[in-house]
């Protein structure tokens, strides 16, 4: 399962990308995380649907300093086949 997730709120400069990587590794999720120009964060994630849903629940909370106000998700069956989870600049 493939998901493109946009997280809005206070999510840059608070360790959100590191948090996303750490949780992705815990859940065995592959893909990447990237800060966007508008202050939001993009997470592209792939994995089994159940694990992906659990991972998204974590993203909705974020690290302690973050304040997530909105999460938009687009699911797709078509995976890109990422090998790991990384930060994209």
PDB file of N, CA and C in Angstrom:
ATOM      1  N   UNK A   1       0.853  -1.175   0.000  1.00  0.00           N
ATOM      2  CA  UNK A   1       0.000   0.000   0.000  1.00  0.00           C
ATOM      3  C   UNK A   1       0.900   1.239   0.000  1.00  0.00           C
ATOM      4  N   UNK A   2       0.494   2.256  -0.737  1.00  0.00           N
ATOM      5  CA  UNK A   2       1.244   3.506  -0.880  1.00  0.00           C
ATOM      6  C   UNK A   2       0.382   4.640  -0.331  1.00  0.00           C
ATOM      7  N   UNK A   3       1.000   5.544   0.421  1.00  0.00           N
ATOM      8  CA  UNK A   3       0.262   6.695   0.957  1.00  0.00           C
ATOM      9  C   UNK A   3       1.098   7.954   0.816  1.00  0.00           C
ATOM     10  N   UNK A   4       0.446   9.038   0.396  1.00  0.00           N
ATOM     11  CA  UNK A   4       1.069  10.359   0.391  1.00  0.00           C
ATOM     12  C   UNK A   4       0.332  11.168   1.452  1.00  0.00           C
ATOM     13  N   UNK A   5       1.082  11.618   2.451  1.00  0.00           N
ATOM     14  CA  UNK A   5       0.504  12.250   3.626  1.00  0.00           C
ATOM     15  C   UNK A   5       1.080  13.657   3.767  1.00  0.00           C
ATOM     16  N   UNK A   6       0.214  14.632   3.884  1.00  0.00           N
ATOM     17  CA  UNK A   6       0.654  16.009   4.128  1.00  0.00           C
ATOM     18  C   UNK A   6       0.221  16.389   5.538  1.00  0.00           C
ATOM     19  N   UNK A   7       1.199  16.776   6.353  1.00  0.00           N
ATOM     20  CA  UNK A   7       0.946  17.145   7.733  1.00  0.00           C
ATOM     21  C   UNK A   7       1.110  18.652   7.852  1.00  0.00           C
ATOM     22  N   UNK A   8       0.086  19.314   8.396  1.00  0.00           N
ATOM     23  CA  UNK A   8       0.111  20.762   8.556  1.00  0.00           C
ATOM     24  C   UNK A   8       0.083  21.129  10.032  1.00  0.00           C
ATOM     25  N   UNK A   9       0.540  22.334  10.326  1.00  0.00           N
ATOM     26  CA  UNK A   9       0.590  22.822  11.701  1.00  0.00           C
ATOM     27  C   UNK A   9       2.002  23.295  11.997  1.00  0.00           C
ATOM     28  N   UNK A  10       2.402  23.210  13.250  1.00  0.00           N
ATOM     29  CA  UNK A  10       3.777  23.532  13.631  1.00  0.00           C
ATOM     30  C   UNK A  10       4.561  22.230  13.510  1.00  0.00           C
ATOM     31  N   UNK A  11       5.092  21.993  12.308  1.00  0.00           N
ATOM     32  CA  UNK A  11       5.737  20.702  12.032  1.00  0.00           C
ATOM     33  C   UNK A  11       7.141  20.848  11.439  1.00  0.00           C
ATOM     34  N   UNK A  12       7.613  22.067  11.272  1.00  0.00           N
ATOM     35  CA  UNK A  12       8.992  22.281  10.824  1.00  0.00           C
ATOM     36  C   UNK A  12       9.766  22.934  11.960  1.00  0.00           C
ATOM     37  N   UNK A  13      11.023  22.503  12.118  1.00  0.00           N
ATOM     38  CA  UNK A  13      11.859  23.054  13.178  1.00  0.00           C
ATOM     39  C   UNK A  13      11.584  22.463  14.548  1.00  0.00           C
ATOM     40  N   UNK A  14      10.842  21.354  14.590  1.00  0.00           N
ATOM     41  CA  UNK A  14      10.484  20.717  15.867  1.00  0.00           C
ATOM     42  C   UNK A  14      10.883  19.239  15.915  1.00  0.00           C
ATOM     43  N   UNK A  15      11.705  18.805  14.960  1.00  0.00           N
ATOM     44  CA  UNK A  15      12.139  17.407  14.938  1.00  0.00           C
ATOM     45  C   UNK A  15      11.151  16.459  14.284  1.00  0.00           C
ATOM     46  N   UNK A  16      10.230  17.000  13.500  1.00  0.00           N
ATOM     47  CA  UNK A  16       9.192  16.146  12.909  1.00  0.00           C
ATOM     48  C   UNK A  16       9.773  15.131  11.921  1.00  0.00           C
ATOM     49  N   UNK A  17      10.717  15.550  11.085  1.00  0.00           N
ATOM     50  CA  UNK A  17      11.288  14.614  10.113  1.00  0.00           C
ATOM     51  C   UNK A  17      12.011  13.472  10.817  1.00  0.00           C
ATOM     52  N   UNK A  18      12.780  13.793  11.856  1.00  0.00           N
ATOM     53  CA  UNK A  18      13.466  12.752  12.625  1.00  0.00           C
ATOM     54  C   UNK A  18      12.444  11.798  13.239  1.00  0.00           C
ATOM     55  N   UNK A  19      11.359  12.350  13.785  1.00  0.00           N
ATOM     56  CA  UNK A  19      10.278  11.551  14.365  1.00  0.00           C
ATOM     57  C   UNK A  19       9.680  10.610  13.314  1.00  0.00           C
ATOM     58  N   UNK A  20       9.413  11.152  12.121  1.00  0.00           N
ATOM     59  CA  UNK A  20       8.824  10.346  11.043  1.00  0.00           C
ATOM     60  C   UNK A  20       9.740   9.196  10.649  1.00  0.00           C
ATOM     61  N   UNK A  21      11.043   9.461  10.593  1.00  0.00           N
ATOM     62  CA  UNK A  21      12.011   8.409  10.257  1.00  0.00           C
ATOM     63  C   UNK A  21      12.045   7.343  11.347  1.00  0.00           C
ATOM     64  N   UNK A  22      12.130   7.774  12.581  1.00  0.00           N
ATOM     65  CA  UNK A  22      12.205   6.842  13.705  1.00  0.00           C
ATOM     66  C   UNK A  22      10.982   5.922  13.735  1.00  0.00           C
ATOM     67  N   UNK A  23       9.793   6.507  13.593  1.00  0.00           N
ATOM     68  CA  UNK A  23       8.562   5.701  13.624  1.00  0.00           C
ATOM     69  C   UNK A  23       8.468   4.794  12.400  1.00  0.00           C
ATOM     70  N   UNK A  24       8.902   5.273  11.238  1.00  0.00           N
ATOM     71  CA  UNK A  24       8.877   4.440  10.029  1.00  0.00           C
ATOM     72  C   UNK A  24       9.740   3.196  10.230  1.00  0.00           C
ATOM     73  N   UNK A  25      10.890   3.378  10.834  1.00  0.00           N
ATOM     74  CA  UNK A  25      11.779   2.235  11.081  1.00  0.00           C
ATOM     75  C   UNK A  25      11.152   1.270  12.075  1.00  0.00           C
ATOM     76  N   UNK A  26      10.478   1.792  13.089  1.00  0.00           N
ATOM     77  CA  UNK A  26       9.799   0.939  14.075  1.00  0.00           C
ATOM     78  C   UNK A  26       8.720   0.079  13.409  1.00  0.00           C
ATOM     79  N   UNK A  27       8.004   0.658  12.450  1.00  0.00           N
ATOM     80  CA  UNK A  27       6.900  -0.042  11.793  1.00  0.00           C
ATOM     81  C   UNK A  27       7.306  -0.772  10.517  1.00  0.00           C
ATOM     82  N   UNK A  28       8.559  -0.627  10.093  1.00  0.00           N
ATOM     83  CA  UNK A  28       9.012  -1.268   8.861  1.00  0.00           C
ATOM     84  C   UNK A  28       8.451  -0.607   7.611  1.00  0.00           C
ATOM     85  N   UNK A  29       8.200   0.693   7.693  1.00  0.00           N
ATOM     86  CA  UNK A  29       7.642   1.465   6.582  1.00  0.00           C
ATOM     87  C   UNK A  29       8.794   2.013   5.735  1.00  0.00           C
ATOM     88  N   UNK A  30       8.621   2.029   4.415  1.00  0.00           N
ATOM     89  CA  UNK A  30       9.616   2.609   3.522  1.00  0.00           C
ATOM     90  C   UNK A  30       9.046   3.874   2.878  1.00  0.00           C
ATOM     91  N   UNK A  31       9.941   4.711   2.333  1.00  0.00           N
ATOM     92  CA  UNK A  31       9.511   5.946   1.677  1.00  0.00           C
ATOM     93  C   UNK A  31      10.413   7.094   2.062  1.00  0.00           C
ATOM     94  N   UNK A  32       9.812   8.282   2.225  1.00  0.00           N
ATOM     95  CA  UNK A  32      10.613   9.451   2.600  1.00  0.00           C
ATOM     96  C   UNK A  32       9.758  10.519   3.257  1.00  0.00           C
ATOM     97  N   UNK A  33      10.449  11.464   3.891  1.00  0.00           N
ATOM     98  CA  UNK A  33       9.802  12.624   4.509  1.00  0.00           C
ATOM     99  C   UNK A  33      10.503  13.863   3.966  1.00  0.00           C
ATOM    100  N   UNK A  34       9.728  14.939   3.759  1.00  0.00           N
ATOM    101  CA  UNK A  34      10.275  16.150   3.152  1.00  0.00           C
ATOM    102  C   UNK A  34       9.531  17.377   3.668  1.00  0.00           C
ATOM    103  N   UNK A  35      10.295  18.417   4.048  1.00  0.00           N
ATOM    104  CA  UNK A  35       9.676  19.710   4.372  1.00  0.00           C
ATOM    105  C   UNK A  35       9.207  20.359   3.074  1.00  0.00           C
ATOM    106  N   UNK A  36       8.034  20.980   3.108  1.00  0.00           N
ATOM    107  CA  UNK A  36       7.511  21.691   1.945  1.00  0.00           C
ATOM    108  C   UNK A  36       7.636  23.202   2.163  1.00  0.00           C
ATOM    109  N   UNK A  37       7.622  23.939   1.059  1.00  0.00           N
ATOM    110  CA  UNK A  37       7.803  25.396   1.098  1.00  0.00           C
ATOM    111  C   UNK A  37       6.744  26.103   1.956  1.00  0.00           C
ATOM    112  N   UNK A  38       5.541  25.555   2.009  1.00  0.00           N
ATOM    113  CA  UNK A  38       4.449  26.219   2.734  1.00  0.00           C
ATOM    114  C   UNK A  38       4.465  25.969   4.240  1.00  0.00           C
ATOM    115  N   UNK A  39       5.508  25.263   4.737  1.00  0.00           N
ATOM    116  CA  UNK A  39       5.607  24.999   6.172  1.00  0.00           C
ATOM    117  C   UNK A  39       5.054  23.659   6.600  1.00  0.00           C
ATOM    118  N   UNK A  40       4.463  22.925   5.666  1.00  0.00           N
ATOM    119  CA  UNK A  40       3.946  21.598   5.985  1.00  0.00           C
ATOM    120  C   UNK A  40       5.025  20.546   5.718  1.00  0.00           C
ATOM    121  N   UNK A  41       4.710  19.305   6.044  1.00  0.00           N
ATOM    122  CA  UNK A  41       5.630  18.192   5.833  1.00  0.00           C
ATOM    123  C   UNK A  41       4.927  17.139   4.983  1.00  0.00           C
ATOM    124  N   UNK A  42       5.645  16.623   3.984  1.00  0.00           N
ATOM    125  CA  UNK A  42       5.148  15.542   3.141  1.00  0.00           C
ATOM    126  C   UNK A  42       5.797  14.244   3.587  1.00  0.00           C
ATOM    127  N   UNK A  43       4.978  13.218   3.792  1.00  0.00           N
ATOM    128  CA  UNK A  43       5.477  11.874   4.069  1.00  0.00           C
ATOM    129  C   UNK A  43       4.936  10.964   2.979  1.00  0.00           C
ATOM    130  N   UNK A  44       5.828  10.302   2.260  1.00  0.00           N
ATOM    131  CA  UNK A  44       5.453   9.277   1.294  1.00  0.00           C
ATOM    132  C   UNK A  44       5.834   7.959   1.940  1.00  0.00           C
ATOM    133  N   UNK A  45       4.840   7.100   2.155  1.00  0.00           N
ATOM    134  CA  UNK A  45       5.062   5.882   2.924  1.00  0.00           C
ATOM    135  C   UNK A  45       4.476   4.667   2.229  1.00  0.00           C
ATOM    136  N   UNK A  46       5.199   3.543   2.341  1.00  0.00           N
ATOM    137  CA  UNK A  46       4.716   2.284   1.782  1.00  0.00           C
ATOM    138  C   UNK A  46       4.892   1.164   2.801  1.00  0.00           C
ATOM    139  N   UNK A  47       3.918   0.269   2.787  1.00  0.00           N
ATOM    140  CA  UNK A  47       3.961  -0.878   3.679  1.00  0.00           C
ATOM    141  C   UNK A  47       2.601  -1.548   3.720  1.00  0.00           C
ATOM    142  N   UNK A  48       2.479  -2.616   4.510  1.00  0.00           N
ATOM    143  CA  UNK A  48       1.180  -3.276   4.666  1.00  0.00           C
ATOM    144  C   UNK A  48       0.155  -2.299   5.247  1.00  0.00           C
ATOM    145  N   UNK A  49      -1.092  -2.415   4.799  1.00  0.00           N
ATOM    146  CA  UNK A  49      -2.129  -1.444   5.168  1.00  0.00           C
ATOM    147  C   UNK A  49      -2.271  -1.258   6.678  1.00  0.00           C
ATOM    148  N   UNK A  50      -2.263  -2.328   7.443  1.00  0.00           N
ATOM    149  CA  UNK A  50      -2.426  -2.223   8.894  1.00  0.00           C
ATOM    150  C   UNK A  50      -1.294  -1.442   9.536  1.00  0.00           C
ATOM    151  N   UNK A  51      -0.063  -1.747   9.145  1.00  0.00           N
ATOM    152  CA  UNK A  51       1.096  -1.034   9.687  1.00  0.00           C
ATOM    153  C   UNK A  51       1.095   0.421   9.238  1.00  0.00           C
ATOM    154  N   UNK A  52       0.695   0.657   8.004  1.00  0.00           N
ATOM    155  CA  UNK A  52       0.624   2.010   7.472  1.00  0.00           C
ATOM    156  C   UNK A  52      -0.391   2.843   8.271  1.00  0.00           C
ATOM    157  N   UNK A  53      -1.528   2.250   8.578  1.00  0.00           N
ATOM    158  CA  UNK A  53      -2.541   2.963   9.369  1.00  0.00           C
ATOM    159  C   UNK A  53      -2.032   3.281  10.771  1.00  0.00           C
ATOM    160  N   UNK A  54      -1.302   2.327  11.380  1.00  0.00           N
ATOM    161  CA  UNK A  54      -0.730   2.573  12.707  1.00  0.00           C
ATOM    162  C   UNK A  54       0.312   3.690  12.640  1.00  0.00           C
ATOM    163  N   UNK A  55       1.119   3.680  11.585  1.00  0.00           N
ATOM    164  CA  UNK A  55       2.135   4.715  11.386  1.00  0.00           C
ATOM    165  C   UNK A  55       1.482   6.091  11.232  1.00  0.00           C
ATOM    166  N   UNK A  56       0.412   6.154  10.465  1.00  0.00           N
ATOM    167  CA  UNK A  56      -0.293   7.422  10.255  1.00  0.00           C
ATOM    168  C   UNK A  56      -0.869   7.949  11.571  1.00  0.00           C
ATOM    169  N   UNK A  57      -1.333   7.062  12.439  1.00  0.00           N
ATOM    170  CA  UNK A  57      -1.822   7.495  13.762  1.00  0.00           C
ATOM    171  C   UNK A  57      -0.714   8.206  14.528  1.00  0.00           C
ATOM    172  N   UNK A  58       0.512   7.678  14.434  1.00  0.00           N
ATOM    173  CA  UNK A  58       1.668   8.312  15.094  1.00  0.00           C
ATOM    174  C   UNK A  58       1.950   9.678  14.473  1.00  0.00           C
ATOM    175  N   UNK A  59       1.866   9.753  13.132  1.00  0.00           N
ATOM    176  CA  UNK A  59       2.136  11.022  12.446  1.00  0.00           C
ATOM    177  C   UNK A  59       1.141  12.099  12.847  1.00  0.00           C
ATOM    178  N   UNK A  60      -0.089  11.700  13.137  1.00  0.00           N
ATOM    179  CA  UNK A  60      -1.116  12.662  13.538  1.00  0.00           C
ATOM    180  C   UNK A  60      -0.803  13.287  14.896  1.00  0.00           C
ATOM    181  N   UNK A  61      -0.006  12.595  15.703  1.00  0.00           N
ATOM    182  CA  UNK A  61       0.401  13.106  17.016  1.00  0.00           C
ATOM    183  C   UNK A  61       1.706  13.881  16.879  1.00  0.00           C
ATOM    184  N   UNK A  62       2.708  13.259  16.253  1.00  0.00           N
ATOM    185  CA  UNK A  62       3.992  13.915  16.047  1.00  0.00           C
ATOM    186  C   UNK A  62       4.835  13.968  17.309  1.00  0.00           C
ATOM    187  N   UNK A  63       6.012  14.580  17.206  1.00  0.00           N
ATOM    188  CA  UNK A  63       6.876  14.714  18.374  1.00  0.00           C
ATOM    189  C   UNK A  63       6.295  15.739  19.355  1.00  0.00           C
ATOM    190  N   UNK A  64       6.843  15.764  20.548  1.00  0.00           N
ATOM    191  CA  UNK A  64       6.317  16.602  21.630  1.00  0.00           C
ATOM    192  C   UNK A  64       6.176  18.083  21.262  1.00  0.00           C
ATOM    193  N   UNK A  65       7.152  18.647  20.552  1.00  0.00           N
ATOM    194  CA  UNK A  65       7.129  20.083  20.235  1.00  0.00           C
ATOM    195  C   UNK A  65       6.212  20.433  19.062  1.00  0.00           C
ATOM    196  N   UNK A  66       5.757  19.428  18.323  1.00  0.00           N
ATOM    197  CA  UNK A  66       4.903  19.675  17.148  1.00  0.00           C
ATOM    198  C   UNK A  66       3.465  19.947  17.565  1.00  0.00           C
ATOM    199  N   UNK A  67       2.754  20.667  16.701  1.00  0.00           N
ATOM    200  CA  UNK A  67       1.310  20.883  16.866  1.00  0.00           C
ATOM    201  C   UNK A  67       0.660  20.585  15.522  1.00  0.00           C
ATOM    202  N   UNK A  68       0.196  19.360  15.359  1.00  0.00           N
ATOM    203  CA  UNK A  68      -0.425  18.943  14.105  1.00  0.00           C
ATOM    204  C   UNK A  68      -1.865  19.447  14.088  1.00  0.00           C
ATOM    205  N   UNK A  69      -2.213  20.198  13.024  1.00  0.00           N
ATOM    206  CA  UNK A  69      -3.576  20.736  12.927  1.00  0.00           C
ATOM    207  C   UNK A  69      -4.392  20.055  11.835  1.00  0.00           C
ATOM    208  N   UNK A  70      -3.719  19.491  10.819  1.00  0.00           N
ATOM    209  CA  UNK A  70      -4.441  18.848   9.719  1.00  0.00           C
ATOM    210  C   UNK A  70      -3.561  17.790   9.071  1.00  0.00           C
ATOM    211  N   UNK A  71      -4.174  16.662   8.718  1.00  0.00           N
ATOM    212  CA  UNK A  71      -3.466  15.587   8.015  1.00  0.00           C
ATOM    213  C   UNK A  71      -4.308  15.185   6.806  1.00  0.00           C
ATOM    214  N   UNK A  72      -3.713  15.278   5.616  1.00  0.00           N
ATOM    215  CA  UNK A  72      -4.389  14.879   4.380  1.00  0.00           C
ATOM    216  C   UNK A  72      -3.683  13.637   3.848  1.00  0.00           C
ATOM    217  N   UNK A  73      -4.476  12.620   3.464  1.00  0.00           N
ATOM    218  CA  UNK A  73      -3.903  11.343   3.035  1.00  0.00           C
ATOM    219  C   UNK A  73      -4.497  10.914   1.699  1.00  0.00           C
ATOM    220  N   UNK A  74      -3.622  10.494   0.789  1.00  0.00           N
ATOM    221  CA  UNK A  74      -4.045   9.883  -0.468  1.00  0.00           C
ATOM    222  C   UNK A  74      -3.447   8.483  -0.518  1.00  0.00           C
ATOM    223  N   UNK A  75      -4.310   7.472  -0.562  1.00  0.00           N
ATOM    224  CA  UNK A  75      -3.859   6.083  -0.645  1.00  0.00           C
ATOM    225  C   UNK A  75      -3.847   5.607  -2.093  1.00  0.00           C
ATOM    226  N   UNK A  76      -2.963   4.673  -2.372  1.00  0.00           N
ATOM    227  CA  UNK A  76      -2.880   4.058  -3.689  1.00  0.00           C
ATOM    228  C   UNK A  76      -2.397   2.621  -3.523  1.00  0.00           C
ATOM    229  N   UNK A  77      -2.873   1.744  -4.381  1.00  0.00           N
ATOM    230  CA  UNK A  77      -2.403   0.355  -4.365  1.00  0.00           C
ATOM    231  C   UNK A  77      -1.033   0.237  -5.030  1.00  0.00           C
ATOM    232  N   UNK A  78      -0.709   1.186  -5.906  1.00  0.00           N
ATOM    233  CA  UNK A  78       0.529   1.126  -6.698  1.00  0.00           C
ATOM    234  C   UNK A  78       1.715   1.595  -5.871  1.00  0.00           C
ATOM    235  N   UNK A  79       2.596   0.672  -5.528  1.00  0.00           N
ATOM    236  CA  UNK A  79       3.797   1.009  -4.757  1.00  0.00           C
ATOM    237  C   UNK A  79       4.948   1.364  -5.681  1.00  0.00           C
ATOM    238  N   UNK A  80       5.855   2.196  -5.192  1.00  0.00           N
ATOM    239  CA  UNK A  80       7.046   2.589  -5.956  1.00  0.00           C
ATOM    240  C   UNK A  80       8.235   1.703  -5.627  1.00  0.00           C
ATOM    241  N   UNK A  81       8.164   0.931  -4.546  1.00  0.00           N
ATOM    242  CA  UNK A  81       9.221  -0.003  -4.196  1.00  0.00           C
ATOM    243  C   UNK A  81      10.414   0.620  -3.498  1.00  0.00           C
ATOM    244  N   UNK A  82      10.172   1.546  -2.567  1.00  0.00           N
ATOM    245  CA  UNK A  82      11.263   2.145  -1.803  1.00  0.00           C
ATOM    246  C   UNK A  82      11.974   1.065  -0.985  1.00  0.00           C
ATOM    247  N   UNK A  83      13.283   1.198  -0.844  1.00  0.00           N
ATOM    248  CA  UNK A  83      14.074   0.200  -0.108  1.00  0.00           C
ATOM    249  C   UNK A  83      14.219   0.561   1.366  1.00  0.00           C
ATOM    250  N   UNK A  84      14.141   1.857   1.693  1.00  0.00           N
ATOM    251  CA  UNK A  84      14.298   2.295   3.078  1.00  0.00           C
ATOM    252  C   UNK A  84      13.462   3.549   3.290  1.00  0.00           C
ATOM    253  N   UNK A  85      13.687   4.217   4.408  1.00  0.00           N
ATOM    254  CA  UNK A  85      12.972   5.467   4.694  1.00  0.00           C
ATOM    255  C   UNK A  85      14.023   6.546   4.906  1.00  0.00           C
ATOM    256  N   UNK A  86      13.877   7.679   4.225  1.00  0.00           N
ATOM    257  CA  UNK A  86      14.913   8.700   4.262  1.00  0.00           C
ATOM    258  C   UNK A  86      14.310  10.108   4.271  1.00  0.00           C
ATOM    259  N   UNK A  87      15.194  11.088   4.440  1.00  0.00           N
ATOM    260  CA  UNK A  87      14.818  12.497   4.321  1.00  0.00           C
ATOM    261  C   UNK A  87      15.117  12.936   2.903  1.00  0.00           C
ATOM    262  N   UNK A  88      14.154  13.583   2.288  1.00  0.00           N
ATOM    263  CA  UNK A  88      14.357  14.139   0.958  1.00  0.00           C
ATOM    264  C   UNK A  88      14.454  15.653   1.091  1.00  0.00           C
ATOM    265  N   UNK A  89      15.468  16.250   0.491  1.00  0.00           N
ATOM    266  CA  UNK A  89      15.682  17.697   0.609  1.00  0.00           C
ATOM    267  C   UNK A  89      15.256  18.406  -0.656  1.00  0.00           C
TER     268      UNK A  89
END
